[in-house]
PDB file of N, CA and C in Angstrom:
ATOM      1  N   MET A   1      23.862  -3.858   7.549  1.00  0.00           N
ATOM      2  CA  MET A   1      23.657  -4.844   7.076  1.00  0.00           C
ATOM      3  C   MET A   1      22.590  -4.351   5.887  1.00  0.00           C
ATOM      4  N   LYS A   2      22.511  -4.827   5.058  1.00  0.00           N
ATOM      5  CA  LYS A   2      21.018  -4.081   3.691  1.00  0.00           C
ATOM      6  C   LYS A   2      20.035  -4.820   4.395  1.00  0.00           C
ATOM      7  N   THR A   3      18.770  -4.023   3.403  1.00  0.00           N
ATOM      8  CA  THR A   3      17.776  -4.831   4.243  1.00  0.00           C
ATOM      9  C   THR A   3      17.084  -4.804   3.025  1.00  0.00           C
ATOM     10  N   ASP A   4      15.973  -6.387   2.646  1.00  0.00           N
ATOM     11  CA  ASP A   4      15.582  -6.762   1.914  1.00  0.00           C
ATOM     12  C   ASP A   4      14.701  -6.304   1.292  1.00  0.00           C
ATOM     13  N   PHE A   5      14.335  -5.307   0.586  1.00  0.00           N
ATOM     14  CA  PHE A   5      13.237  -4.517   0.530  1.00  0.00           C
ATOM     15  C   PHE A   5      12.092  -5.920  -0.375  1.00  0.00           C
ATOM     16  N   ASP A   6      12.896  -6.361  -1.091  1.00  0.00           N
ATOM     17  CA  ASP A   6      11.904  -6.786  -1.700  1.00  0.00           C
ATOM     18  C   ASP A   6      11.342  -8.065  -0.838  1.00  0.00           C
ATOM     19  N   ALA A   7      12.045  -9.067  -0.111  1.00  0.00           N
ATOM     20  CA  ALA A   7      10.861  -9.634   0.954  1.00  0.00           C
ATOM     21  C   ALA A   7       9.977  -8.758   2.277  1.00  0.00           C
ATOM     22  N   ILE A   8      10.501  -6.858   2.282  1.00  0.00           N
ATOM     23  CA  ILE A   8       9.591  -6.738   2.488  1.00  0.00           C
ATOM     24  C   ILE A   8       7.911  -7.026   1.628  1.00  0.00           C
ATOM     25  N   MET A   9       8.250  -6.060   0.694  1.00  0.00           N
ATOM     26  CA  MET A   9       7.123  -5.725  -0.385  1.00  0.00           C
ATOM     27  C   MET A   9       6.463  -7.270  -0.569  1.00  0.00           C
ATOM     28  N   GLN A  10       7.276  -8.549  -0.384  1.00  0.00           N
ATOM     29  CA  GLN A  10       6.407  -9.608  -0.213  1.00  0.00           C
ATOM     30  C   GLN A  10       5.715  -9.918   0.674  1.00  0.00           C
ATOM     31  N   GLN A  11       6.042  -9.720   1.687  1.00  0.00           N
ATOM     32  CA  GLN A  11       5.157 -10.222   2.989  1.00  0.00           C
ATOM     33  C   GLN A  11       4.245  -9.625   3.391  1.00  0.00           C
ATOM     34  N   ALA A  12       4.318  -8.064   2.525  1.00  0.00           N
ATOM     35  CA  ALA A  12       3.026  -7.179   2.672  1.00  0.00           C
ATOM     36  C   ALA A  12       2.165  -7.870   2.121  1.00  0.00           C
ATOM     37  N   THR A  13       2.074  -7.669   0.452  1.00  0.00           N
ATOM     38  CA  THR A  13       1.507  -8.888   0.188  1.00  0.00           C
ATOM     39  C   THR A  13       1.244 -10.185  -0.446  1.00  0.00           C
ATOM     40  N   LEU A  14       1.749 -10.815   0.538  1.00  0.00           N
ATOM     41  CA  LEU A  14       1.764 -12.457   1.461  1.00  0.00           C
ATOM     42  C   LEU A  14       0.623 -11.890   2.471  1.00  0.00           C
ATOM     43  N   GLN A  15       0.238 -11.121   3.358  1.00  0.00           N
ATOM     44  CA  GLN A  15      -0.012 -10.658   4.487  1.00  0.00           C
ATOM     45  C   GLN A  15      -1.810 -10.166   4.253  1.00  0.00           C
ATOM     46  N   VAL A  16      -1.690  -9.465   3.006  1.00  0.00           N
ATOM     47  CA  VAL A  16      -3.287  -9.046   2.067  1.00  0.00           C
ATOM     48  C   VAL A  16      -3.763 -10.034   2.018  1.00  0.00           C
ATOM     49  N   ASN A  17      -3.566 -11.075   0.763  1.00  0.00           N
ATOM     50  CA  ASN A  17      -3.460 -12.295   0.378  1.00  0.00           C
ATOM     51  C   ASN A  17      -4.043 -12.369   1.526  1.00  0.00           C
ATOM     52  N   ALA A  18      -3.387 -13.396   2.612  1.00  0.00           N
ATOM     53  CA  ALA A  18      -4.102 -13.727   3.705  1.00  0.00           C
ATOM     54  C   ALA A  18      -5.141 -14.101   4.484  1.00  0.00           C
ATOM     55  N   ARG A  19      -5.589 -12.596   4.539  1.00  0.00           N
ATOM     56  CA  ARG A  19      -6.977 -11.846   4.610  1.00  0.00           C
ATOM     57  C   ARG A  19      -8.026 -11.387   3.756  1.00  0.00           C
ATOM     58  N   TRP A  20      -7.184 -11.599   2.432  1.00  0.00           N
ATOM     59  CA  TRP A  20      -8.042 -10.646   1.315  1.00  0.00           C
ATOM     60  C   TRP A  20      -9.713 -11.415   1.489  1.00  0.00           C
ATOM     61  N   ALA A  21     -10.564 -12.953   1.377  1.00  0.00           N
ATOM     62  CA  ALA A  21     -11.646 -13.378   1.258  1.00  0.00           C
ATOM     63  C   ALA A  21     -12.449 -12.627   2.684  1.00  0.00           C
ATOM     64  N   HIS A  22     -11.403 -12.173   4.024  1.00  0.00           N
ATOM     65  CA  HIS A  22     -12.350 -11.933   5.049  1.00  0.00           C
ATOM     66  C   HIS A  22     -12.174 -10.453   5.032  1.00  0.00           C
ATOM     67  N   ILE A  23     -11.672  -9.637   3.896  1.00  0.00           N
ATOM     68  CA  ILE A  23     -11.316  -7.966   3.281  1.00  0.00           C
ATOM     69  C   ILE A  23     -12.476  -8.197   2.716  1.00  0.00           C
ATOM     70  N   LEU A  24     -13.073  -8.469   1.698  1.00  0.00           N
ATOM     71  CA  LEU A  24     -13.844  -8.923   0.604  1.00  0.00           C
ATOM     72  C   LEU A  24     -15.051  -9.569   1.061  1.00  0.00           C
ATOM     73  N   ALA A  25     -15.630 -10.057   2.147  1.00  0.00           N
ATOM     74  CA  ALA A  25     -16.347 -10.445   2.938  1.00  0.00           C
ATOM     75  C   ALA A  25     -17.412  -9.651   3.614  1.00  0.00           C
ATOM     76  N   GLN A  26     -16.720  -8.306   4.264  1.00  0.00           N
ATOM     77  CA  GLN A  26     -16.903  -7.420   4.993  1.00  0.00           C
ATOM     78  C   GLN A  26     -17.750  -6.242   4.293  1.00  0.00           C
ATOM     79  N   HIS A  27     -17.092  -6.750   3.166  1.00  0.00           N
ATOM     80  CA  HIS A  27     -17.292  -5.008   2.037  1.00  0.00           C
ATOM     81  C   HIS A  27     -17.467  -5.916   0.820  1.00  0.00           C
ATOM     82  N   GLU A  28     -18.610  -6.235   0.876  1.00  0.00           N
ATOM     83  CA  GLU A  28     -19.649  -6.542  -0.514  1.00  0.00           C
ATOM     84  C   GLU A  28     -20.081  -5.887  -2.057  1.00  0.00           C
ATOM     85  N   SER A  29     -20.359  -4.998  -1.398  1.00  0.00           N
ATOM     86  CA  SER A  29     -20.794  -3.841  -2.257  1.00  0.00           C
ATOM     87  C   SER A  29     -19.289  -3.097  -2.862  1.00  0.00           C
ATOM     88  N   VAL A  30     -19.374  -3.202  -4.230  1.00  0.00           N
ATOM     89  CA  VAL A  30     -18.784  -1.826  -5.082  1.00  0.00           C
ATOM     90  C   VAL A  30     -18.371  -0.882  -4.523  1.00  0.00           C
ATOM     91  N   TYR A  31     -19.496  -0.457  -4.002  1.00  0.00           N
ATOM     92  CA  TYR A  31     -19.293   0.611  -3.454  1.00  0.00           C
ATOM     93  C   TYR A  31     -19.443   1.152  -1.895  1.00  0.00           C
ATOM     94  N   PRO A  32     -18.719   2.613  -1.142  1.00  0.00           N
ATOM     95  CA  PRO A  32     -18.524   3.835  -2.143  1.00  0.00           C
ATOM     96  C   PRO A  32     -16.842   3.197  -3.054  1.00  0.00           C
ATOM     97  N   CYS A  33     -17.419   3.668  -4.335  1.00  0.00           N
ATOM     98  CA  CYS A  33     -15.893   3.366  -5.016  1.00  0.00           C
ATOM     99  C   CYS A  33     -14.667   4.853  -4.479  1.00  0.00           C
ATOM    100  N   GLY A  34     -13.388   4.053  -4.248  1.00  0.00           N
ATOM    101  CA  GLY A  34     -12.536   5.522  -3.499  1.00  0.00           C
ATOM    102  C   GLY A  34     -11.516   4.782  -3.679  1.00  0.00           C
ATOM    103  N   VAL A  35     -10.285   5.776  -4.019  1.00  0.00           N
ATOM    104  CA  VAL A  35      -9.124   4.916  -3.553  1.00  0.00           C
ATOM    105  C   VAL A  35      -8.652   5.150  -1.895  1.00  0.00           C
ATOM    106  N   SER A  36      -7.362   4.405  -2.437  1.00  0.00           N
ATOM    107  CA  SER A  36      -6.336   4.568  -1.261  1.00  0.00           C
ATOM    108  C   SER A  36      -4.768   4.220  -1.706  1.00  0.00           C
ATOM    109  N   TYR A  37      -3.971   4.491  -1.134  1.00  0.00           N
ATOM    110  CA  TYR A  37      -2.781   4.352  -0.672  1.00  0.00           C
ATOM    111  C   TYR A  37      -1.753   4.979  -0.128  1.00  0.00           C
ATOM    112  N   LEU A  38      -0.307   4.658   0.301  1.00  0.00           N
ATOM    113  CA  LEU A  38       0.705   4.999   0.588  1.00  0.00           C
ATOM    114  C   LEU A  38       1.402   6.289   0.466  1.00  0.00           C
ATOM    115  N   THR A  39       1.615   6.943   1.318  1.00  0.00           N
ATOM    116  CA  THR A  39       2.454   8.134   1.265  1.00  0.00           C
ATOM    117  C   THR A  39       3.745   7.840   1.973  1.00  0.00           C
ATOM    118  N   PHE A  40       4.357   8.569   1.613  1.00  0.00           N
ATOM    119  CA  PHE A  40       5.998   8.450   1.781  1.00  0.00           C
ATOM    120  C   PHE A  40       6.482   9.974   1.864  1.00  0.00           C
ATOM    121  N   LYS A  41       6.320  10.540   3.045  1.00  0.00           N
ATOM    122  CA  LYS A  41       7.307  12.511   3.318  1.00  0.00           C
ATOM    123  C   LYS A  41       8.832  11.936   2.898  1.00  0.00           C
ATOM    124  N   ASP A  42       9.889  11.760   2.916  1.00  0.00           N
ATOM    125  CA  ASP A  42      11.148  11.452   2.870  1.00  0.00           C
ATOM    126  C   ASP A  42      11.353  10.832   1.584  1.00  0.00           C
ATOM    127  N   VAL A  43      11.685  11.484   0.619  1.00  0.00           N
ATOM    128  CA  VAL A  43      11.910  10.063  -1.065  1.00  0.00           C
ATOM    129  C   VAL A  43      12.799   9.939  -1.002  1.00  0.00           C
ATOM    130  N   ARG A  44      13.968  10.582  -0.207  1.00  0.00           N
ATOM    131  CA  ARG A  44      15.662  10.577  -0.103  1.00  0.00           C
ATOM    132  C   ARG A  44      16.410   8.946   0.785  1.00  0.00           C
ATOM    133  N   THR A  45      14.602   7.777   0.749  1.00  0.00           N
ATOM    134  CA  THR A  45      15.206   6.945   1.914  1.00  0.00           C
ATOM    135  C   THR A  45      16.075   6.139   0.654  1.00  0.00           C
ATOM    136  N   PRO A  46      15.954   4.509   1.431  1.00  0.00           N
ATOM    137  CA  PRO A  46      16.642   3.593   0.650  1.00  0.00           C
ATOM    138  C   PRO A  46      15.157   2.972   0.220  1.00  0.00           C
ATOM    139  N   PHE A  47      14.574   2.746   1.111  1.00  0.00           N
ATOM    140  CA  PHE A  47      12.943   2.244   0.625  1.00  0.00           C
ATOM    141  C   PHE A  47      12.447   2.920  -1.029  1.00  0.00           C
ATOM    142  N   ILE A  48      12.779   4.183  -0.644  1.00  0.00           N
ATOM    143  CA  ILE A  48      11.930   5.173  -1.631  1.00  0.00           C
ATOM    144  C   ILE A  48      12.813   4.711  -3.531  1.00  0.00           C
ATOM    145  N   LYS A  49      13.782   4.604  -2.687  1.00  0.00           N
ATOM    146  CA  LYS A  49      15.161   4.803  -4.412  1.00  0.00           C
ATOM    147  C   LYS A  49      14.415   3.037  -4.860  1.00  0.00           C
ATOM    148  N   TYR A  50      14.741   2.506  -3.888  1.00  0.00           N
ATOM    149  CA  TYR A  50      14.228   0.633  -4.317  1.00  0.00           C
ATOM    150  C   TYR A  50      13.028   0.790  -4.958  1.00  0.00           C
ATOM    151  N   LEU A  51      12.026   1.535  -4.488  1.00  0.00           N
ATOM    152  CA  LEU A  51      10.441   1.546  -5.386  1.00  0.00           C
ATOM    153  C   LEU A  51      10.628   2.665  -6.386  1.00  0.00           C
ATOM    154  N   LYS A  52      11.624   3.609  -6.656  1.00  0.00           N
ATOM    155  CA  LYS A  52      12.074   4.268  -8.033  1.00  0.00           C
ATOM    156  C   LYS A  52      12.557   3.066  -9.194  1.00  0.00           C
ATOM    157  N   LYS A  53      13.459   2.440  -8.693  1.00  0.00           N
ATOM    158  CA  LYS A  53      14.553   1.512  -9.218  1.00  0.00           C
ATOM    159  C   LYS A  53      14.309   1.131  -9.650  1.00  0.00           C
ATOM    160  N   ASN A  54      12.518   0.252  -9.588  1.00  0.00           N
ATOM    161  CA  ASN A  54      11.803  -1.043  -9.915  1.00  0.00           C
ATOM    162  C   ASN A  54      10.267  -0.472 -10.416  1.00  0.00           C
ATOM    163  N   GLY A  55      10.141   0.868 -10.724  1.00  0.00           N
ATOM    164  CA  GLY A  55       8.707   1.122 -11.113  1.00  0.00           C
ATOM    165  C   GLY A  55       7.559   1.493 -10.300  1.00  0.00           C
ATOM    166  N   LEU A  56       7.831   1.320  -9.480  1.00  0.00           N
ATOM    167  CA  LEU A  56       6.491   1.694  -8.070  1.00  0.00           C
ATOM    168  C   LEU A  56       6.590   2.535  -7.625  1.00  0.00           C
ATOM    169  N   GLY A  57       4.854   2.993  -7.980  1.00  0.00           N
ATOM    170  CA  GLY A  57       4.584   4.736  -7.014  1.00  0.00           C
ATOM    171  C   GLY A  57       5.083   5.611  -8.289  1.00  0.00           C
ATOM    172  N   HIS A  58       5.344   6.138  -7.323  1.00  0.00           N
ATOM    173  CA  HIS A  58       5.111   8.078  -8.449  1.00  0.00           C
ATOM    174  C   HIS A  58       5.077   9.167  -7.223  1.00  0.00           C
ATOM    175  N   PRO A  59       5.998  10.277  -7.887  1.00  0.00           N
ATOM    176  CA  PRO A  59       5.695  10.974  -7.039  1.00  0.00           C
ATOM    177  C   PRO A  59       4.662  11.397  -6.188  1.00  0.00           C
ATOM    178  N   GLY A  60       4.332  12.058  -5.134  1.00  0.00           N
ATOM    179  CA  GLY A  60       2.963  12.906  -4.617  1.00  0.00           C
ATOM    180  C   GLY A  60       3.046  14.142  -5.580  1.00  0.00           C
ATOM    181  N   VAL A  61       1.665  14.586  -5.427  1.00  0.00           N
ATOM    182  CA  VAL A  61       0.706  15.899  -5.942  1.00  0.00           C
ATOM    183  C   VAL A  61       1.791  16.513  -5.097  1.00  0.00           C
ATOM    184  N   ASP A  62       1.728  16.688  -3.526  1.00  0.00           N
ATOM    185  CA  ASP A  62       2.107  17.655  -2.763  1.00  0.00           C
ATOM    186  C   ASP A  62       3.224  17.321  -2.443  1.00  0.00           C
ATOM    187  N   ARG A  63       4.615  16.757  -2.723  1.00  0.00           N
ATOM    188  CA  ARG A  63       6.170  15.828  -2.866  1.00  0.00           C
ATOM    189  C   ARG A  63       5.349  14.465  -1.999  1.00  0.00           C
ATOM    190  N   GLY A  64       6.948  13.970  -1.545  1.00  0.00           N
ATOM    191  CA  GLY A  64       6.893  12.579  -1.385  1.00  0.00           C
ATOM    192  C   GLY A  64       6.731  11.765  -2.148  1.00  0.00           C
ATOM    193  N   TRP A  65       5.990  10.862  -1.641  1.00  0.00           N
ATOM    194  CA  TRP A  65       5.971   8.897  -2.771  1.00  0.00           C
ATOM    195  C   TRP A  65       4.659   9.021  -2.462  1.00  0.00           C
ATOM    196  N   VAL A  66       4.144   8.254  -3.158  1.00  0.00           N
ATOM    197  CA  VAL A  66       2.853   7.289  -3.532  1.00  0.00           C
ATOM    198  C   VAL A  66       3.244   6.165  -3.618  1.00  0.00           C
ATOM    199  N   LEU A  67       2.713   4.962  -3.074  1.00  0.00           N
ATOM    200  CA  LEU A  67       2.217   4.130  -3.528  1.00  0.00           C
ATOM    201  C   LEU A  67       0.639   3.288  -3.732  1.00  0.00           C
ATOM    202  N   SER A  68       0.033   2.949  -4.666  1.00  0.00           N
ATOM    203  CA  SER A  68      -1.019   2.445  -4.771  1.00  0.00           C
ATOM    204  C   SER A  68      -1.508   1.517  -4.166  1.00  0.00           C
ATOM    205  N   SER A  69      -2.468   1.118  -3.792  1.00  0.00           N
ATOM    206  CA  SER A  69      -2.781   0.034  -2.964  1.00  0.00           C
ATOM    207  C   SER A  69      -3.101  -1.641  -3.966  1.00  0.00           C
ATOM    208  N   SER A  70      -2.655  -1.194  -5.024  1.00  0.00           N
ATOM    209  CA  SER A  70      -3.090  -1.837  -5.875  1.00  0.00           C
ATOM    210  C   SER A  70      -2.291  -2.481  -6.077  1.00  0.00           C
ATOM    211  N   GLU A  71      -1.073  -2.569  -5.073  1.00  0.00           N
ATOM    212  CA  GLU A  71       0.780  -2.937  -5.675  1.00  0.00           C
ATOM    213  C   GLU A  71       0.621  -4.354  -5.171  1.00  0.00           C
ATOM    214  N   PHE A  72      -0.636  -4.156  -3.862  1.00  0.00           N
ATOM    215  CA  PHE A  72      -1.099  -5.422  -2.973  1.00  0.00           C
ATOM    216  C   PHE A  72      -1.744  -6.332  -2.681  1.00  0.00           C
ATOM    217  N   MET A  73      -2.516  -5.915  -4.119  1.00  0.00           N
ATOM    218  CA  MET A  73      -3.922  -6.449  -4.385  1.00  0.00           C
ATOM    219  C   MET A  73      -3.531  -8.183  -5.242  1.00  0.00           C
ATOM    220  N   PRO A  74      -4.570  -9.048  -5.227  1.00  0.00           N
ATOM    221  CA  PRO A  74      -4.605 -10.052  -5.345  1.00  0.00           C
ATOM    222  C   PRO A  74      -5.594 -10.119  -6.854  1.00  0.00           C
ATOM    223  N   THR A  75      -6.697  -9.474  -6.797  1.00  0.00           N
ATOM    224  CA  THR A  75      -7.635  -8.532  -7.931  1.00  0.00           C
ATOM    225  C   THR A  75      -8.222  -7.861  -7.234  1.00  0.00           C
ATOM    226  N   ASP A  76      -8.727  -6.532  -8.616  1.00  0.00           N
ATOM    227  CA  ASP A  76      -9.075  -5.674  -8.455  1.00  0.00           C
ATOM    228  C   ASP A  76     -10.156  -5.456  -7.345  1.00  0.00           C
ATOM    229  N   SER A  77     -10.725  -4.127  -7.050  1.00  0.00           N
ATOM    230  CA  SER A  77     -11.580  -3.471  -6.589  1.00  0.00           C
ATOM    231  C   SER A  77     -11.745  -2.741  -6.098  1.00  0.00           C
ATOM    232  N   GLN A  78     -13.157  -1.797  -6.234  1.00  0.00           N
ATOM    233  CA  GLN A  78     -13.471  -0.453  -6.383  1.00  0.00           C
ATOM    234  C   GLN A  78     -13.148   0.053  -5.230  1.00  0.00           C
ATOM    235  N   ASN A  79     -13.738  -0.925  -4.421  1.00  0.00           N
ATOM    236  CA  ASN A  79     -14.973  -0.224  -3.043  1.00  0.00           C
ATOM    237  C   ASN A  79     -13.443   0.275  -2.509  1.00  0.00           C
ATOM    238  N   MET A  80     -13.706   1.629  -1.264  1.00  0.00           N
ATOM    239  CA  MET A  80     -13.120   2.199  -0.653  1.00  0.00           C
ATOM    240  C   MET A  80     -12.039   1.956  -0.168  1.00  0.00           C
ATOM    241  N   PHE A  81     -13.362   0.863   1.274  1.00  0.00           N
ATOM    242  CA  PHE A  81     -12.822   0.528   2.093  1.00  0.00           C
ATOM    243  C   PHE A  81     -12.152  -0.373   2.169  1.00  0.00           C
ATOM    244  N   VAL A  82     -12.391  -1.291   1.139  1.00  0.00           N
ATOM    245  CA  VAL A  82     -11.510  -2.534   1.152  1.00  0.00           C
ATOM    246  C   VAL A  82     -10.011  -2.029   0.831  1.00  0.00           C
ATOM    247  N   ARG A  83     -10.086  -0.512  -0.685  1.00  0.00           N
ATOM    248  CA  ARG A  83      -8.378  -0.551  -0.968  1.00  0.00           C
ATOM    249  C   ARG A  83      -7.803  -0.156   1.012  1.00  0.00           C
ATOM    250  N   GLU A  84      -8.535   0.713   1.420  1.00  0.00           N
ATOM    251  CA  GLU A  84      -8.469   0.931   2.644  1.00  0.00           C
ATOM    252  C   GLU A  84      -7.793   0.266   3.337  1.00  0.00           C
ATOM    253  N   GLU A  85      -7.871  -0.530   3.865  1.00  0.00           N
ATOM    254  CA  GLU A  85      -7.811  -1.999   4.160  1.00  0.00           C
ATOM    255  C   GLU A  85      -6.794  -2.300   4.159  1.00  0.00           C
ATOM    256  N   VAL A  86      -6.272  -2.250   2.903  1.00  0.00           N
ATOM    257  CA  VAL A  86      -4.794  -3.208   2.242  1.00  0.00           C
ATOM    258  C   VAL A  86      -3.760  -2.024   2.216  1.00  0.00           C
ATOM    259  N   CYS A  87      -4.194  -0.775   1.932  1.00  0.00           N
ATOM    260  CA  CYS A  87      -2.613   0.320   2.786  1.00  0.00           C
ATOM    261  C   CYS A  87      -2.713  -0.312   4.546  1.00  0.00           C
ATOM    262  N   SER A  88      -3.800  -0.111   4.733  1.00  0.00           N
ATOM    263  CA  SER A  88      -3.848  -0.464   6.646  1.00  0.00           C
ATOM    264  C   SER A  88      -2.281  -1.306   7.003  1.00  0.00           C
ATOM    265  N   ILE A  89      -3.041  -2.512   5.812  1.00  0.00           N
ATOM    266  CA  ILE A  89      -2.206  -3.774   6.251  1.00  0.00           C
ATOM    267  C   ILE A  89      -0.679  -3.794   6.263  1.00  0.00           C
ATOM    268  N   ALA A  90      -0.622  -3.340   4.886  1.00  0.00           N
ATOM    269  CA  ALA A  90       1.149  -2.813   4.428  1.00  0.00           C
ATOM    270  C   ALA A  90       1.859  -1.865   5.093  1.00  0.00           C
ATOM    271  N   ARG A  91       1.001  -0.787   5.793  1.00  0.00           N
ATOM    272  CA  ARG A  91       1.452  -0.070   6.480  1.00  0.00           C
ATOM    273  C   ARG A  91       2.474  -0.576   7.151  1.00  0.00           C
ATOM    274  N   GLU A  92       1.046  -1.818   8.092  1.00  0.00           N
ATOM    275  CA  GLU A  92       1.852  -2.107   9.296  1.00  0.00           C
ATOM    276  C   GLU A  92       2.661  -2.942   9.297  1.00  0.00           C
ATOM    277  N   VAL A  93       3.165  -3.963   8.301  1.00  0.00           N
ATOM    278  CA  VAL A  93       4.587  -4.235   7.873  1.00  0.00           C
ATOM    279  C   VAL A  93       5.324  -3.135   7.648  1.00  0.00           C
ATOM    280  N   PHE A  94       5.417  -2.553   6.696  1.00  0.00           N
ATOM    281  CA  PHE A  94       6.904  -1.460   6.814  1.00  0.00           C
ATOM    282  C   PHE A  94       6.673  -1.057   7.701  1.00  0.00           C
ATOM    283  N   GLY A  95       6.134  -0.297   8.645  1.00  0.00           N
ATOM    284  CA  GLY A  95       5.854   0.157  10.188  1.00  0.00           C
ATOM    285  C   GLY A  95       6.416  -0.752  10.946  1.00  0.00           C
ATOM    286  N   GLU A  96       6.624  -2.061  10.979  1.00  0.00           N
ATOM    287  CA  GLU A  96       7.663  -3.079  11.738  1.00  0.00           C
ATOM    288  C   GLU A  96       9.122  -3.222  10.868  1.00  0.00           C
ATOM    289  N   HIS A  97       9.239  -2.914  10.013  1.00  0.00           N
ATOM    290  CA  HIS A  97      10.710  -2.967   9.633  1.00  0.00           C
ATOM    291  C   HIS A  97      11.436  -1.348   9.242  1.00  0.00           C
ATOM    292  N   GLY A  98      10.096  -0.713   9.795  1.00  0.00           N
ATOM    293  CA  GLY A  98      11.025   0.966  10.386  1.00  0.00           C
ATOM    294  C   GLY A  98      10.762   1.906   8.895  1.00  0.00           C
ATOM    295  N   ILE A  99       9.563   1.447   8.150  1.00  0.00           N
ATOM    296  CA  ILE A  99       9.348   2.449   7.162  1.00  0.00           C
ATOM    297  C   ILE A  99       8.091   3.342   7.494  1.00  0.00           C
ATOM    298  N   GLU A 100       8.295   3.724   8.081  1.00  0.00           N
ATOM    299  CA  GLU A 100       7.285   5.596   8.089  1.00  0.00           C
ATOM    300  C   GLU A 100       6.754   5.720   6.449  1.00  0.00           C
ATOM    301  N   CYS A 101       5.430   5.681   6.798  1.00  0.00           N
ATOM    302  CA  CYS A 101       3.526   6.174   5.390  1.00  0.00           C
ATOM    303  C   CYS A 101       2.585   6.454   6.335  1.00  0.00           C
ATOM    304  N   HIS A 102       1.613   7.132   5.867  1.00  0.00           N
ATOM    305  CA  HIS A 102       0.742   7.205   6.205  1.00  0.00           C
ATOM    306  C   HIS A 102      -0.091   6.592   5.111  1.00  0.00           C
ATOM    307  N   VAL A 103      -1.632   6.660   5.485  1.00  0.00           N
ATOM    308  CA  VAL A 103      -2.563   5.810   4.893  1.00  0.00           C
ATOM    309  C   VAL A 103      -3.040   7.282   4.516  1.00  0.00           C
ATOM    310  N   ARG A 104      -3.593   7.902   2.557  1.00  0.00           N
ATOM    311  CA  ARG A 104      -4.428   8.187   2.380  1.00  0.00           C
ATOM    312  C   ARG A 104      -5.693   7.641   1.717  1.00  0.00           C
ATOM    313  N   THR A 105      -6.879   8.124   2.133  1.00  0.00           N
ATOM    314  CA  THR A 105      -7.709   7.271   1.321  1.00  0.00           C
ATOM    315  C   THR A 105      -9.031   8.635   0.751  1.00  0.00           C
ATOM    316  N   ARG A 106      -9.709   8.525   0.003  1.00  0.00           N
ATOM    317  CA  ARG A 106     -10.545   9.345  -1.160  1.00  0.00           C
ATOM    318  C   ARG A 106     -11.895   9.154  -1.893  1.00  0.00           C
ATOM    319  N   ILE A 107     -13.071   9.291  -1.516  1.00  0.00           N
ATOM    320  CA  ILE A 107     -14.216   8.689  -2.475  1.00  0.00           C
ATOM    321  C   ILE A 107     -14.099   9.337  -3.599  1.00  0.00           C
ATOM    322  N   ASP A 108     -14.090   8.390  -4.589  1.00  0.00           N
ATOM    323  CA  ASP A 108     -14.545   8.964  -5.626  1.00  0.00           C
ATOM    324  C   ASP A 108     -16.225   9.336  -5.990  1.00  0.00           C
TER     325      ASP A 108
END
């Protein structure tokens, strides 16, 4: 059975959109500015092949694959905690489908 990765990405985006107002209300300031992203260790998986084919993400600095929080956000936010929550939601959705990834966050 073939996995519908488009549906999984859409589900992650819909989950973020459903919680977006709540996330922004919790973090009203743009500070601290930062980035958050998902890292995938194994680049040989069908999901990473899907991401590559669709121009989503990029190779990680220290191997693996990186997918930015921006891929799921309805509007931009520089707040590090907003971005981290977005990635955590996406990670939950991916985990439900057996896709392993980790959230990485850093202040700018």
